[in-house]
Protein backbone atom coordinates (compact mmCIF):
# COMPACT_ATOMS: atom_id res chain seq x y z
CA UNK A 1 -0.34 11.97 -2.59
CA UNK A 2 1.51 9.58 -5.01
CA UNK A 3 -0.06 7.35 -7.71
CA UNK A 4 0.91 4.38 -5.53
CA UNK A 5 -1.07 5.57 -2.44
CA UNK A 6 -4.00 6.51 -4.62
CA UNK A 7 -3.98 3.02 -6.09
CA UNK A 8 -3.77 1.37 -2.57
CA UNK A 9 -6.75 3.54 -1.44
CA UNK A 10 -8.79 2.59 -4.56
CA UNK A 11 -8.14 -1.07 -4.08
CA UNK A 12 -9.10 -0.89 -0.42
CA UNK A 13 -12.38 0.84 -1.35
CA UNK A 14 -13.02 -1.83 -4.00
CA UNK A 15 -12.53 -4.63 -1.38
CA UNK A 16 -15.36 -3.07 0.79
CA UNK A 17 -17.94 -3.49 -2.10
CA UNK A 18 -20.73 -5.59 -0.79
CA UNK A 19 -23.84 -7.21 -2.39
CA UNK A 20 -25.83 -3.98 -2.21
CA UNK A 21 -23.22 -1.90 -3.95
CA UNK A 22 -22.84 -4.66 -6.54
CA UNK A 23 -26.56 -4.64 -7.11
CA UNK A 24 -26.57 -0.85 -7.54
CA UNK A 25 -23.71 -1.21 -10.17
CA UNK A 26 -25.60 -3.94 -12.07
CA UNK A 27 -28.84 -1.85 -11.99
CA UNK A 28 -26.86 1.15 -13.20
CA UNK A 29 -25.55 -0.79 -16.20
CA UNK A 30 -29.03 -2.12 -17.02
CA UNK A 31 -30.51 1.37 -16.83
CA UNK A 32 -27.71 2.85 -19.08
CA UNK A 33 -28.33 0.09 -21.59
CA UNK A 34 -32.20 0.70 -21.68
CA UNK A 35 -31.55 4.45 -21.80
CA UNK A 36 -29.16 4.00 -24.79
CA UNK A 37 -31.58 1.82 -26.68
CA UNK A 38 -34.46 4.33 -26.13
CA UNK A 39 -32.51 7.36 -27.12
CA UNK A 40 -31.24 5.62 -30.23
CA UNK A 41 -34.83 5.30 -31.56
CA UNK A 42 -35.15 9.11 -31.67
CA UNK A 43 -34.07 11.00 -34.80
CA UNK A 44 -31.07 12.83 -33.29
CA UNK A 45 -29.34 13.72 -36.67
CA UNK A 46 -31.54 16.74 -37.48
CA UNK A 47 -30.89 18.16 -34.03
CA UNK A 48 -27.13 17.47 -34.32
CA UNK A 49 -27.03 19.22 -37.82
CA UNK A 50 -28.99 22.26 -36.54
CA UNK A 51 -26.56 22.69 -33.60
CA UNK A 52 -23.41 22.22 -35.81
CA UNK A 53 -24.69 24.81 -38.18
CA UNK A 54 -25.01 27.27 -35.26
CA UNK A 55 -21.29 26.87 -34.44
CA UNK A 56 -19.25 26.03 -31.39
CA UNK A 57 -18.86 29.63 -29.94
CA UNK A 58 -22.55 30.25 -29.49
CA UNK A 59 -23.18 26.78 -28.19
CA UNK A 60 -20.46 26.79 -25.56
CA UNK A 61 -21.26 30.44 -24.60
CA UNK A 62 -24.79 29.22 -23.91
CA UNK A 63 -23.34 26.44 -21.85
CA UNK A 64 -21.45 28.90 -19.78
CA UNK A 65 -24.18 31.39 -19.17
CA UNK A 66 -27.64 29.68 -19.28
CA UNK A 67 -27.02 27.22 -16.33
CA UNK A 68 -26.39 30.30 -14.10
CA UNK A 69 -30.07 31.24 -14.45
CA UNK A 70 -31.24 27.63 -13.95
CA UNK A 71 -31.07 25.94 -17.42
CA UNK A 72 -30.07 22.32 -16.94
CA UNK A 73 -26.50 21.65 -18.08
CA UNK A 74 -26.77 17.95 -18.82
CA UNK A 75 -28.49 18.46 -22.15
CA UNK A 76 -25.58 20.67 -23.20
CA UNK A 77 -23.08 17.90 -22.35
CA UNK A 78 -25.17 15.34 -24.21
CA UNK A 79 -25.65 17.46 -27.36
CA UNK A 80 -22.11 18.61 -27.32
CA UNK A 81 -20.78 15.01 -27.46
CA UNK A 82 -23.27 14.17 -30.26
CA UNK A 83 -22.51 17.19 -32.32
CA UNK A 84 -18.85 18.20 -31.98
CA UNK A 85 -17.21 14.85 -30.98
CA UNK A 86 -15.35 14.11 -27.80
CA UNK A 87 -12.20 16.18 -27.88
CA UNK A 88 -13.78 19.42 -29.06
CA UNK A 89 -16.59 19.04 -26.64
CA UNK A 90 -14.23 18.38 -23.72
CA UNK A 91 -12.16 21.49 -24.58
CA UNK A 92 -15.25 23.77 -24.99
CA UNK A 93 -16.86 22.33 -21.88
CA UNK A 94 -13.80 22.80 -19.77
CA UNK A 95 -13.61 26.52 -20.70
CA UNK A 96 -17.37 27.12 -20.46
CA UNK A 97 -17.70 25.45 -17.10
CA UNK A 98 -14.78 27.38 -15.66
CA UNK A 99 -16.58 30.60 -16.58
CA UNK A 100 -19.84 29.28 -15.26
CA UNK A 101 -18.33 28.40 -11.84
CA UNK A 102 -16.66 31.84 -11.64
CA UNK A 103 -19.93 33.60 -12.37
CA UNK A 104 -22.17 31.62 -10.08
CA UNK A 105 -19.69 31.94 -7.19
CA UNK A 106 -19.26 35.61 -7.36
CA UNK A 107 -22.89 36.32 -7.99
CA UNK A 108 -23.73 34.43 -4.73
CA UNK A 109 -20.76 35.68 -2.85
CA UNK A 110 -21.05 39.37 -3.62
CA UNK A 111 -23.21 40.88 -6.45
CA UNK A 112 -26.64 39.20 -6.01
CA UNK A 113 -26.10 37.73 -2.62
CA UNK A 114 -29.57 38.71 -1.14
CA UNK A 115 -31.58 37.56 -4.14
CA UNK A 116 -29.66 34.25 -4.45
CA UNK A 117 -29.93 33.56 -0.69
CA UNK A 118 -33.76 33.56 -1.00
CA UNK A 119 -33.51 31.21 -3.99
CA UNK A 120 -31.19 28.78 -2.28
CA UNK A 121 -33.34 28.68 0.86
CA UNK A 122 -35.97 26.76 -1.19
CA UNK A 123 -33.50 23.89 -1.24
CA UNK A 124 -32.23 24.09 2.34
CA UNK A 125 -33.35 25.86 5.47
CA UNK A 126 -30.23 27.75 6.09
CA UNK A 127 -26.78 28.50 4.84
CA UNK A 128 -24.17 26.67 7.01
CA UNK A 129 -21.25 28.37 8.63
CA UNK A 130 -18.34 26.11 7.69
CA UNK A 131 -15.18 25.95 9.67
CA UNK A 132 -11.99 26.48 7.68
CA UNK A 133 -10.76 22.91 8.38
CA UNK A 134 -13.98 21.58 6.85
CA UNK A 135 -13.92 23.77 3.69
CA UNK A 136 -12.60 20.99 1.34
CA UNK A 137 -14.81 18.17 2.65
CA UNK A 138 -17.93 20.37 2.66
CA UNK A 139 -17.30 21.48 -0.90
CA UNK A 140 -16.83 17.91 -2.09
CA UNK A 141 -20.04 16.86 -0.15
CA UNK A 142 -22.09 19.54 -1.76
CA UNK A 143 -20.79 18.85 -5.22
CA UNK A 144 -21.31 15.12 -5.21
CA UNK A 145 -24.71 15.08 -3.45
CA UNK A 146 -27.49 14.30 -5.72
CA UNK A 147 -30.65 16.48 -5.81
CA UNK A 148 -30.00 20.19 -6.22
CA UNK A 149 -29.03 21.42 -9.66
CA UNK A 150 -25.37 22.30 -10.29
CA UNK A 151 -25.93 25.98 -10.16
CA UNK A 152 -27.64 25.77 -6.77
CA UNK A 153 -24.58 23.87 -5.43
CA UNK A 154 -22.28 26.65 -6.71
CA UNK A 155 -24.55 29.28 -5.04
CA UNK A 156 -24.58 27.31 -1.74
CA UNK A 157 -20.78 27.23 -1.71
CA UNK A 158 -20.56 30.89 -2.50
CA UNK A 159 -22.96 31.83 0.22
CA UNK A 160 -21.24 29.65 2.68
CA UNK A 161 -18.07 31.76 2.00
CA UNK A 162 -15.91 28.87 0.89
CA UNK A 163 -12.57 30.45 -0.33
CA UNK A 164 -12.67 30.80 -4.13
CA UNK A 165 -9.46 28.75 -4.62
CA UNK A 166 -10.94 25.78 -2.77
CA UNK A 167 -14.30 26.18 -4.43
CA UNK A 168 -12.68 26.16 -7.99
CA UNK A 169 -9.98 23.62 -7.44
CA UNK A 170 -12.65 21.11 -6.12
CA UNK A 171 -15.68 22.16 -8.18
CA UNK A 172 -14.13 22.29 -11.65
CA UNK A 173 -12.60 18.73 -11.79
CA UNK A 174 -15.82 17.36 -10.10
CA UNK A 175 -17.89 19.03 -12.67
CA UNK A 176 -15.69 17.81 -15.51
CA UNK A 177 -15.69 14.30 -14.15
CA UNK A 178 -19.52 14.19 -14.57
CA UNK A 179 -19.36 15.99 -18.00
CA UNK A 180 -16.82 13.46 -19.39
CA UNK A 181 -19.23 10.60 -19.02
CA UNK A 182 -22.22 12.49 -20.48
CA UNK A 183 -20.16 13.76 -23.43
CA UNK A 184 -18.84 10.28 -24.21
CA UNK A 185 -22.37 8.92 -23.96
CA UNK A 186 -23.57 11.64 -26.37
CA UNK A 187 -20.90 10.82 -28.90
CA UNK A 188 -21.86 7.12 -28.62
CA UNK A 189 -25.40 7.95 -29.69
CA UNK A 190 -24.14 8.97 -33.08
CA UNK A 191 -21.72 6.04 -33.40
CA UNK A 192 -24.18 3.52 -31.95
CA UNK A 193 -21.51 2.15 -29.67
CA UNK A 194 -23.01 0.88 -26.38
CA UNK A 195 -19.60 -0.11 -24.89
CA UNK A 196 -18.34 3.45 -25.40
CA UNK A 197 -21.36 4.67 -23.40
CA UNK A 198 -20.65 2.13 -20.56
CA UNK A 199 -16.95 3.11 -20.59
CA UNK A 200 -17.69 6.80 -20.49
CA UNK A 201 -19.77 6.48 -17.35
CA UNK A 202 -17.29 4.11 -15.82
CA UNK A 203 -14.68 6.76 -16.25
CA UNK A 204 -16.92 9.28 -14.64
CA UNK A 205 -17.43 7.20 -11.57
CA UNK A 206 -13.65 6.42 -11.23
CA UNK A 207 -12.78 10.11 -11.59
CA UNK A 208 -15.23 11.16 -8.95
CA UNK A 209 -13.85 8.54 -6.59
CA UNK A 210 -10.22 9.78 -7.12
CA UNK A 211 -11.30 13.41 -6.63
CA UNK A 212 -12.94 12.56 -3.29
CA UNK A 213 -9.93 10.57 -2.14
CA UNK A 214 -7.54 13.40 -3.03
CA UNK A 215 -9.79 15.85 -1.24
CA UNK A 216 -9.91 13.71 1.93
CA UNK A 217 -6.20 13.28 1.82
CA UNK A 218 -5.79 17.06 1.64
CA UNK A 219 -8.07 17.54 4.46
CA UNK A 220 -6.34 15.14 6.73
CA UNK A 221 -2.99 16.83 5.91
CA UNK A 222 -4.32 20.22 6.58
CA UNK A 223 -5.87 19.05 9.86
CA UNK A 224 -2.60 17.55 10.94
CA UNK A 225 -0.81 20.84 10.25
CA UNK A 226 -3.35 22.75 12.21
CA UNK A 227 -3.09 20.43 15.17
CA UNK A 228 0.66 20.68 15.10
CA UNK A 229 0.49 24.44 15.04
CA UNK A 230 -1.91 24.35 18.00
CA UNK A 231 0.55 22.33 20.01
CA UNK A 232 3.47 24.65 19.25
């Protein structure tokens, strides 16, 4: 898919925005502003200095490992942005989340499948059997659906036997798309820049839209090839 076709699809999607979507967007901006003002009242500097003194390696190692056992990852993104700045945080997060995804996938797929299956069933009744032609769309759907924590989503995809290449190629950029917004928001807490916070979350939304469009285009192309192979 070319940049031009992506741009056309994005513009088409924007033209379909109605009053309800616009209301959601305005509400989101208001919520973000209120959250920013509330968090700014807390003394974040002592926390930032304590984490900076700990160092980047222990912090990002914790980001890679602790979410596998259920620790929420969003506070890591927020504290990374506030402590280490945007670029160091993005690099460290990119590596740690790649490790996290590999661990979660293979634990669910092979090493702790029985234990993890019982855990995941608390969130959904059964693990679906996904047809190969739906692997990409199912992975996207699971990753962008609100509700279950990120590690549960990775476990679901591993238990559903989504091929690792599809799992990682879809999951990693989707995870980073969310992380970028939170990291920039965390950095804005130290700088006190509300527009940086708004811009960060705007980039997150745009990134996730593009990821979904690319995945849909890939799925359509694959389905076309499968249909052509079936006719031959």
